[in-house]
PDB file of N, CA and C in Angstrom:
ATOM      1  N   UNK A   1      95.137 114.951 108.557  1.00  0.00           N
ATOM      2  CA  UNK A   1      96.083 115.926 108.950  1.00  0.00           C
ATOM      3  C   UNK A   1      96.534 115.575 110.460  1.00  0.00           C
ATOM      4  N   UNK A   2      97.729 115.275 110.676  1.00  0.00           N
ATOM      5  CA  UNK A   2      98.193 114.803 112.084  1.00  0.00           C
ATOM      6  C   UNK A   2      98.439 115.995 112.798  1.00  0.00           C
ATOM      7  N   UNK A   3      98.828 117.337 112.496  1.00  0.00           N
ATOM      8  CA  UNK A   3      99.101 118.384 113.045  1.00  0.00           C
ATOM      9  C   UNK A   3     100.490 118.398 113.576  1.00  0.00           C
ATOM     10  N   UNK A   4     101.486 117.859 112.867  1.00  0.00           N
ATOM     11  CA  UNK A   4     102.783 117.879 113.302  1.00  0.00           C
ATOM     12  C   UNK A   4     103.817 118.571 112.030  1.00  0.00           C
ATOM     13  N   UNK A   5     104.829 119.233 112.742  1.00  0.00           N
ATOM     14  CA  UNK A   5     105.756 119.719 111.652  1.00  0.00           C
ATOM     15  C   UNK A   5     107.189 118.881 111.999  1.00  0.00           C
ATOM     16  N   UNK A   6     107.574 118.500 110.919  1.00  0.00           N
ATOM     17  CA  UNK A   6     108.982 117.501 111.066  1.00  0.00           C
ATOM     18  C   UNK A   6     110.187 118.201 110.559  1.00  0.00           C
ATOM     19  N   UNK A   7     111.352 117.922 110.999  1.00  0.00           N
ATOM     20  CA  UNK A   7     112.573 118.364 110.438  1.00  0.00           C
ATOM     21  C   UNK A   7     113.476 117.121 110.286  1.00  0.00           C
ATOM     22  N   UNK A   8     114.539 117.325 109.648  1.00  0.00           N
ATOM     23  CA  UNK A   8     115.633 116.213 109.489  1.00  0.00           C
ATOM     24  C   UNK A   8     116.316 116.138 110.735  1.00  0.00           C
ATOM     25  N   UNK A   9     116.876 114.945 111.112  1.00  0.00           N
ATOM     26  CA  UNK A   9     117.618 114.876 112.446  1.00  0.00           C
ATOM     27  C   UNK A   9     119.104 115.306 112.208  1.00  0.00           C
ATOM     28  N   UNK A  10     119.449 115.259 110.863  1.00  0.00           N
ATOM     29  CA  UNK A  10     120.815 115.655 110.565  1.00  0.00           C
ATOM     30  C   UNK A  10     121.621 114.562 110.455  1.00  0.00           C
ATOM     31  N   UNK A  11     122.590 114.616 109.394  1.00  0.00           N
ATOM     32  CA  UNK A  11     123.616 113.589 109.007  1.00  0.00           C
ATOM     33  C   UNK A  11     124.601 113.336 110.184  1.00  0.00           C
ATOM     34  N   UNK A  12     124.726 114.095 111.205  1.00  0.00           N
ATOM     35  CA  UNK A  12     125.721 113.861 112.344  1.00  0.00           C
ATOM     36  C   UNK A  12     125.046 113.024 113.269  1.00  0.00           C
ATOM     37  N   UNK A  13     123.601 112.816 113.265  1.00  0.00           N
ATOM     38  CA  UNK A  13     122.775 112.269 114.179  1.00  0.00           C
ATOM     39  C   UNK A  13     123.073 110.633 114.271  1.00  0.00           C
ATOM     40  N   UNK A  14     122.941 110.057 115.243  1.00  0.00           N
ATOM     41  CA  UNK A  14     123.155 108.696 115.378  1.00  0.00           C
ATOM     42  C   UNK A  14     121.964 107.901 114.731  1.00  0.00           C
ATOM     43  N   UNK A  15     120.874 108.459 114.518  1.00  0.00           N
ATOM     44  CA  UNK A  15     119.719 107.880 114.068  1.00  0.00           C
ATOM     45  C   UNK A  15     119.297 109.018 112.887  1.00  0.00           C
ATOM     46  N   UNK A  16     119.754 108.686 111.650  1.00  0.00           N
ATOM     47  CA  UNK A  16     119.404 109.559 110.712  1.00  0.00           C
ATOM     48  C   UNK A  16     117.896 109.433 110.164  1.00  0.00           C
ATOM     49  N   UNK A  17     117.008 110.058 110.730  1.00  0.00           N
ATOM     50  CA  UNK A  17     115.540 109.999 110.274  1.00  0.00           C
ATOM     51  C   UNK A  17     114.928 111.421 110.580  1.00  0.00           C
ATOM     52  N   UNK A  18     113.539 111.475 110.998  1.00  0.00           N
ATOM     53  CA  UNK A  18     113.086 112.878 111.016  1.00  0.00           C
ATOM     54  C   UNK A  18     112.619 112.943 112.582  1.00  0.00           C
ATOM     55  N   UNK A  19     112.394 114.143 113.067  1.00  0.00           N
ATOM     56  CA  UNK A  19     112.209 114.663 114.314  1.00  0.00           C
ATOM     57  C   UNK A  19     110.943 115.503 114.398  1.00  0.00           C
ATOM     58  N   UNK A  20     110.152 115.393 115.298  1.00  0.00           N
ATOM     59  CA  UNK A  20     108.831 116.357 115.400  1.00  0.00           C
ATOM     60  C   UNK A  20     109.446 117.502 116.036  1.00  0.00           C
ATOM     61  N   UNK A  21     109.083 118.593 115.286  1.00  0.00           N
ATOM     62  CA  UNK A  21     109.657 119.951 115.610  1.00  0.00           C
ATOM     63  C   UNK A  21     108.436 120.844 116.239  1.00  0.00           C
ATOM     64  N   UNK A  22     107.192 120.494 116.055  1.00  0.00           N
ATOM     65  CA  UNK A  22     106.038 121.277 116.426  1.00  0.00           C
ATOM     66  C   UNK A  22     104.813 120.432 116.376  1.00  0.00           C
ATOM     67  N   UNK A  23     103.968 120.654 117.448  1.00  0.00           N
ATOM     68  CA  UNK A  23     102.699 120.016 117.407  1.00  0.00           C
ATOM     69  C   UNK A  23     101.497 121.156 117.234  1.00  0.00           C
ATOM     70  N   UNK A  24     100.643 121.001 116.159  1.00  0.00           N
ATOM     71  CA  UNK A  24      99.605 122.018 116.248  1.00  0.00           C
ATOM     72  C   UNK A  24      98.698 121.941 117.417  1.00  0.00           C
ATOM     73  N   UNK A  25      98.409 123.026 118.123  1.00  0.00           N
ATOM     74  CA  UNK A  25      97.742 123.039 119.408  1.00  0.00           C
ATOM     75  C   UNK A  25      96.269 122.541 119.117  1.00  0.00           C
ATOM     76  N   UNK A  26      95.922 121.453 119.837  1.00  0.00           N
ATOM     77  CA  UNK A  26      94.686 120.895 119.849  1.00  0.00           C
ATOM     78  C   UNK A  26      94.545 120.013 118.637  1.00  0.00           C
ATOM     79  N   UNK A  27      95.623 119.716 117.961  1.00  0.00           N
ATOM     80  CA  UNK A  27      95.495 118.900 116.680  1.00  0.00           C
ATOM     81  C   UNK A  27      95.618 117.236 117.095  1.00  0.00           C
ATOM     82  N   UNK A  28      95.345 116.623 116.191  1.00  0.00           N
ATOM     83  CA  UNK A  28      95.200 115.155 116.734  1.00  0.00           C
ATOM     84  C   UNK A  28      96.426 114.570 117.160  1.00  0.00           C
ATOM     85  N   UNK A  29      97.535 114.882 116.859  1.00  0.00           N
ATOM     86  CA  UNK A  29      98.848 114.375 117.422  1.00  0.00           C
ATOM     87  C   UNK A  29      98.996 114.774 118.808  1.00  0.00           C
ATOM     88  N   UNK A  30      98.606 116.088 119.081  1.00  0.00           N
ATOM     89  CA  UNK A  30      98.799 116.669 120.510  1.00  0.00           C
ATOM     90  C   UNK A  30      97.642 115.983 121.355  1.00  0.00           C
ATOM     91  N   UNK A  31      96.565 115.936 121.013  1.00  0.00           N
ATOM     92  CA  UNK A  31      95.309 115.259 121.669  1.00  0.00           C
ATOM     93  C   UNK A  31      95.587 113.874 122.017  1.00  0.00           C
ATOM     94  N   UNK A  32      96.274 113.188 121.098  1.00  0.00           N
ATOM     95  CA  UNK A  32      96.599 111.644 121.348  1.00  0.00           C
ATOM     96  C   UNK A  32      97.592 111.448 122.519  1.00  0.00           C
ATOM     97  N   UNK A  33      98.311 112.427 122.745  1.00  0.00           N
ATOM     98  CA  UNK A  33      99.389 112.415 123.957  1.00  0.00           C
ATOM     99  C   UNK A  33     100.408 111.527 123.709  1.00  0.00           C
ATOM    100  N   UNK A  34     100.522 110.968 122.553  1.00  0.00           N
ATOM    101  CA  UNK A  34     101.461 109.919 122.297  1.00  0.00           C
ATOM    102  C   UNK A  34     102.804 110.404 121.491  1.00  0.00           C
ATOM    103  N   UNK A  35     102.615 111.616 120.963  1.00  0.00           N
ATOM    104  CA  UNK A  35     103.857 112.296 120.368  1.00  0.00           C
ATOM    105  C   UNK A  35     104.132 113.523 121.061  1.00  0.00           C
ATOM    106  N   UNK A  36     105.518 113.681 121.083  1.00  0.00           N
ATOM    107  CA  UNK A  36     106.040 115.062 121.731  1.00  0.00           C
ATOM    108  C   UNK A  36     107.087 115.653 120.758  1.00  0.00           C
ATOM    109  N   UNK A  37     107.346 116.887 121.030  1.00  0.00           N
ATOM    110  CA  UNK A  37     108.304 117.695 120.119  1.00  0.00           C
ATOM    111  C   UNK A  37     109.595 117.024 120.559  1.00  0.00           C
ATOM    112  N   UNK A  38     110.488 116.624 119.661  1.00  0.00           N
ATOM    113  CA  UNK A  38     111.852 116.192 119.849  1.00  0.00           C
ATOM    114  C   UNK A  38     111.773 114.594 119.587  1.00  0.00           C
ATOM    115  N   UNK A  39     110.655 114.019 119.529  1.00  0.00           N
ATOM    116  CA  UNK A  39     110.431 112.579 119.293  1.00  0.00           C
ATOM    117  C   UNK A  39     111.161 112.293 117.806  1.00  0.00           C
ATOM    118  N   UNK A  40     111.847 111.212 117.711  1.00  0.00           N
ATOM    119  CA  UNK A  40     112.402 110.734 116.472  1.00  0.00           C
ATOM    120  C   UNK A  40     111.296 109.754 115.927  1.00  0.00           C
ATOM    121  N   UNK A  41     110.921 109.989 114.814  1.00  0.00           N
ATOM    122  CA  UNK A  41     109.810 109.027 114.105  1.00  0.00           C
ATOM    123  C   UNK A  41     110.662 108.033 113.290  1.00  0.00           C
ATOM    124  N   UNK A  42     110.599 106.780 113.613  1.00  0.00           N
ATOM    125  CA  UNK A  42     111.585 105.931 113.174  1.00  0.00           C
ATOM    126  C   UNK A  42     110.804 104.872 112.000  1.00  0.00           C
ATOM    127  N   UNK A  43     109.553 104.699 112.213  1.00  0.00           N
ATOM    128  CA  UNK A  43     108.750 104.186 111.156  1.00  0.00           C
ATOM    129  C   UNK A  43     107.387 104.590 110.891  1.00  0.00           C
ATOM    130  N   UNK A  44     106.697 104.266 110.042  1.00  0.00           N
ATOM    131  CA  UNK A  44     105.243 104.670 109.686  1.00  0.00           C
ATOM    132  C   UNK A  44     104.600 103.467 109.145  1.00  0.00           C
ATOM    133  N   UNK A  45     103.513 103.057 109.719  1.00  0.00           N
ATOM    134  CA  UNK A  45     102.909 101.847 109.200  1.00  0.00           C
ATOM    135  C   UNK A  45     103.895 100.591 109.028  1.00  0.00           C
ATOM    136  N   UNK A  46     104.801 100.478 109.779  1.00  0.00           N
ATOM    137  CA  UNK A  46     105.730  99.301 109.505  1.00  0.00           C
ATOM    138  C   UNK A  46     106.986  99.616 108.472  1.00  0.00           C
ATOM    139  N   UNK A  47     106.965 100.818 108.016  1.00  0.00           N
ATOM    140  CA  UNK A  47     107.962 101.059 107.029  1.00  0.00           C
ATOM    141  C   UNK A  47     109.033 101.903 107.766  1.00  0.00           C
ATOM    142  N   UNK A  48     110.316 101.476 107.718  1.00  0.00           N
ATOM    143  CA  UNK A  48     111.372 102.211 108.413  1.00  0.00           C
ATOM    144  C   UNK A  48     111.675 103.471 107.579  1.00  0.00           C
ATOM    145  N   UNK A  49     111.897 104.594 108.487  1.00  0.00           N
ATOM    146  CA  UNK A  49     112.321 105.842 107.868  1.00  0.00           C
ATOM    147  C   UNK A  49     113.785 106.181 107.942  1.00  0.00           C
ATOM    148  N   UNK A  50     114.281 105.166 108.862  1.00  0.00           N
ATOM    149  CA  UNK A  50     115.876 105.560 109.069  1.00  0.00           C
ATOM    150  C   UNK A  50     116.787 105.467 107.659  1.00  0.00           C
ATOM    151  N   UNK A  51     117.315 106.590 107.484  1.00  0.00           N
ATOM    152  CA  UNK A  51     118.190 106.810 106.314  1.00  0.00           C
ATOM    153  C   UNK A  51     117.588 107.170 104.974  1.00  0.00           C
ATOM    154  N   UNK A  52     116.148 107.314 105.044  1.00  0.00           N
ATOM    155  CA  UNK A  52     115.375 107.714 103.871  1.00  0.00           C
ATOM    156  C   UNK A  52     115.530 109.296 103.682  1.00  0.00           C
ATOM    157  N   UNK A  53     115.406 109.764 102.384  1.00  0.00           N
ATOM    158  CA  UNK A  53     115.375 111.089 102.173  1.00  0.00           C
ATOM    159  C   UNK A  53     114.162 111.767 103.032  1.00  0.00           C
ATOM    160  N   UNK A  54     114.374 112.960 103.331  1.00  0.00           N
ATOM    161  CA  UNK A  54     113.485 113.715 104.049  1.00  0.00           C
ATOM    162  C   UNK A  54     112.121 113.812 103.233  1.00  0.00           C
ATOM    163  N   UNK A  55     112.167 114.092 101.910  1.00  0.00           N
ATOM    164  CA  UNK A  55     110.858 114.212 101.179  1.00  0.00           C
ATOM    165  C   UNK A  55     110.153 112.879 101.039  1.00  0.00           C
ATOM    166  N   UNK A  56     110.895 111.685 101.062  1.00  0.00           N
ATOM    167  CA  UNK A  56     110.271 110.387 101.162  1.00  0.00           C
ATOM    168  C   UNK A  56     109.496 110.140 102.412  1.00  0.00           C
ATOM    169  N   UNK A  57     110.204 110.405 103.568  1.00  0.00           N
ATOM    170  CA  UNK A  57     109.684 110.340 104.827  1.00  0.00           C
ATOM    171  C   UNK A  57     108.313 111.086 104.877  1.00  0.00           C
ATOM    172  N   UNK A  58     108.431 112.262 104.569  1.00  0.00           N
ATOM    173  CA  UNK A  58     107.259 113.240 104.735  1.00  0.00           C
ATOM    174  C   UNK A  58     106.071 112.555 103.770  1.00  0.00           C
ATOM    175  N   UNK A  59     106.358 112.063 102.744  1.00  0.00           N
ATOM    176  CA  UNK A  59     105.153 111.425 101.833  1.00  0.00           C
ATOM    177  C   UNK A  59     104.798 110.311 102.539  1.00  0.00           C
ATOM    178  N   UNK A  60     105.499 109.451 103.289  1.00  0.00           N
ATOM    179  CA  UNK A  60     104.954 108.294 103.871  1.00  0.00           C
ATOM    180  C   UNK A  60     104.099 108.672 105.180  1.00  0.00           C
ATOM    181  N   UNK A  61     104.395 109.821 105.676  1.00  0.00           N
ATOM    182  CA  UNK A  61     103.640 110.359 106.854  1.00  0.00           C
ATOM    183  C   UNK A  61     102.318 110.859 106.439  1.00  0.00           C
ATOM    184  N   UNK A  62     102.209 111.497 105.095  1.00  0.00           N
ATOM    185  CA  UNK A  62     101.100 112.003 104.639  1.00  0.00           C
ATOM    186  C   UNK A  62     100.004 110.974 104.003  1.00  0.00           C
ATOM    187  N   UNK A  63     100.619 109.904 103.655  1.00  0.00           N
ATOM    188  CA  UNK A  63      99.729 108.774 103.137  1.00  0.00           C
ATOM    189  C   UNK A  63      98.844 108.048 104.044  1.00  0.00           C
ATOM    190  N   UNK A  64      97.587 108.136 103.806  1.00  0.00           N
ATOM    191  CA  UNK A  64      96.651 107.664 104.829  1.00  0.00           C
ATOM    192  C   UNK A  64      96.193 106.388 104.352  1.00  0.00           C
ATOM    193  N   UNK A  65      96.252 105.285 105.104  1.00  0.00           N
ATOM    194  CA  UNK A  65      95.784 103.964 104.645  1.00  0.00           C
ATOM    195  C   UNK A  65      94.344 103.830 105.299  1.00  0.00           C
ATOM    196  N   UNK A  66      93.299 103.504 104.588  1.00  0.00           N
ATOM    197  CA  UNK A  66      91.917 103.368 104.986  1.00  0.00           C
ATOM    198  C   UNK A  66      91.599 101.805 105.109  1.00  0.00           C
TER     199      UNK A  66
END
């Protein structure tokens, strides 16, 4: 679990992807210091999220590669 909440950037956005809406206090994402509220997530493990449906993007974020 990364400890992030994401929302759609909206179809009026110049970059239709997902945006970090919240970080869980002391969660992995917050502790890393590399993610901030308002950041656009454009790819996950080399897979572009631009223009993908929200549910697909969420699924790619949740998948863990070992």
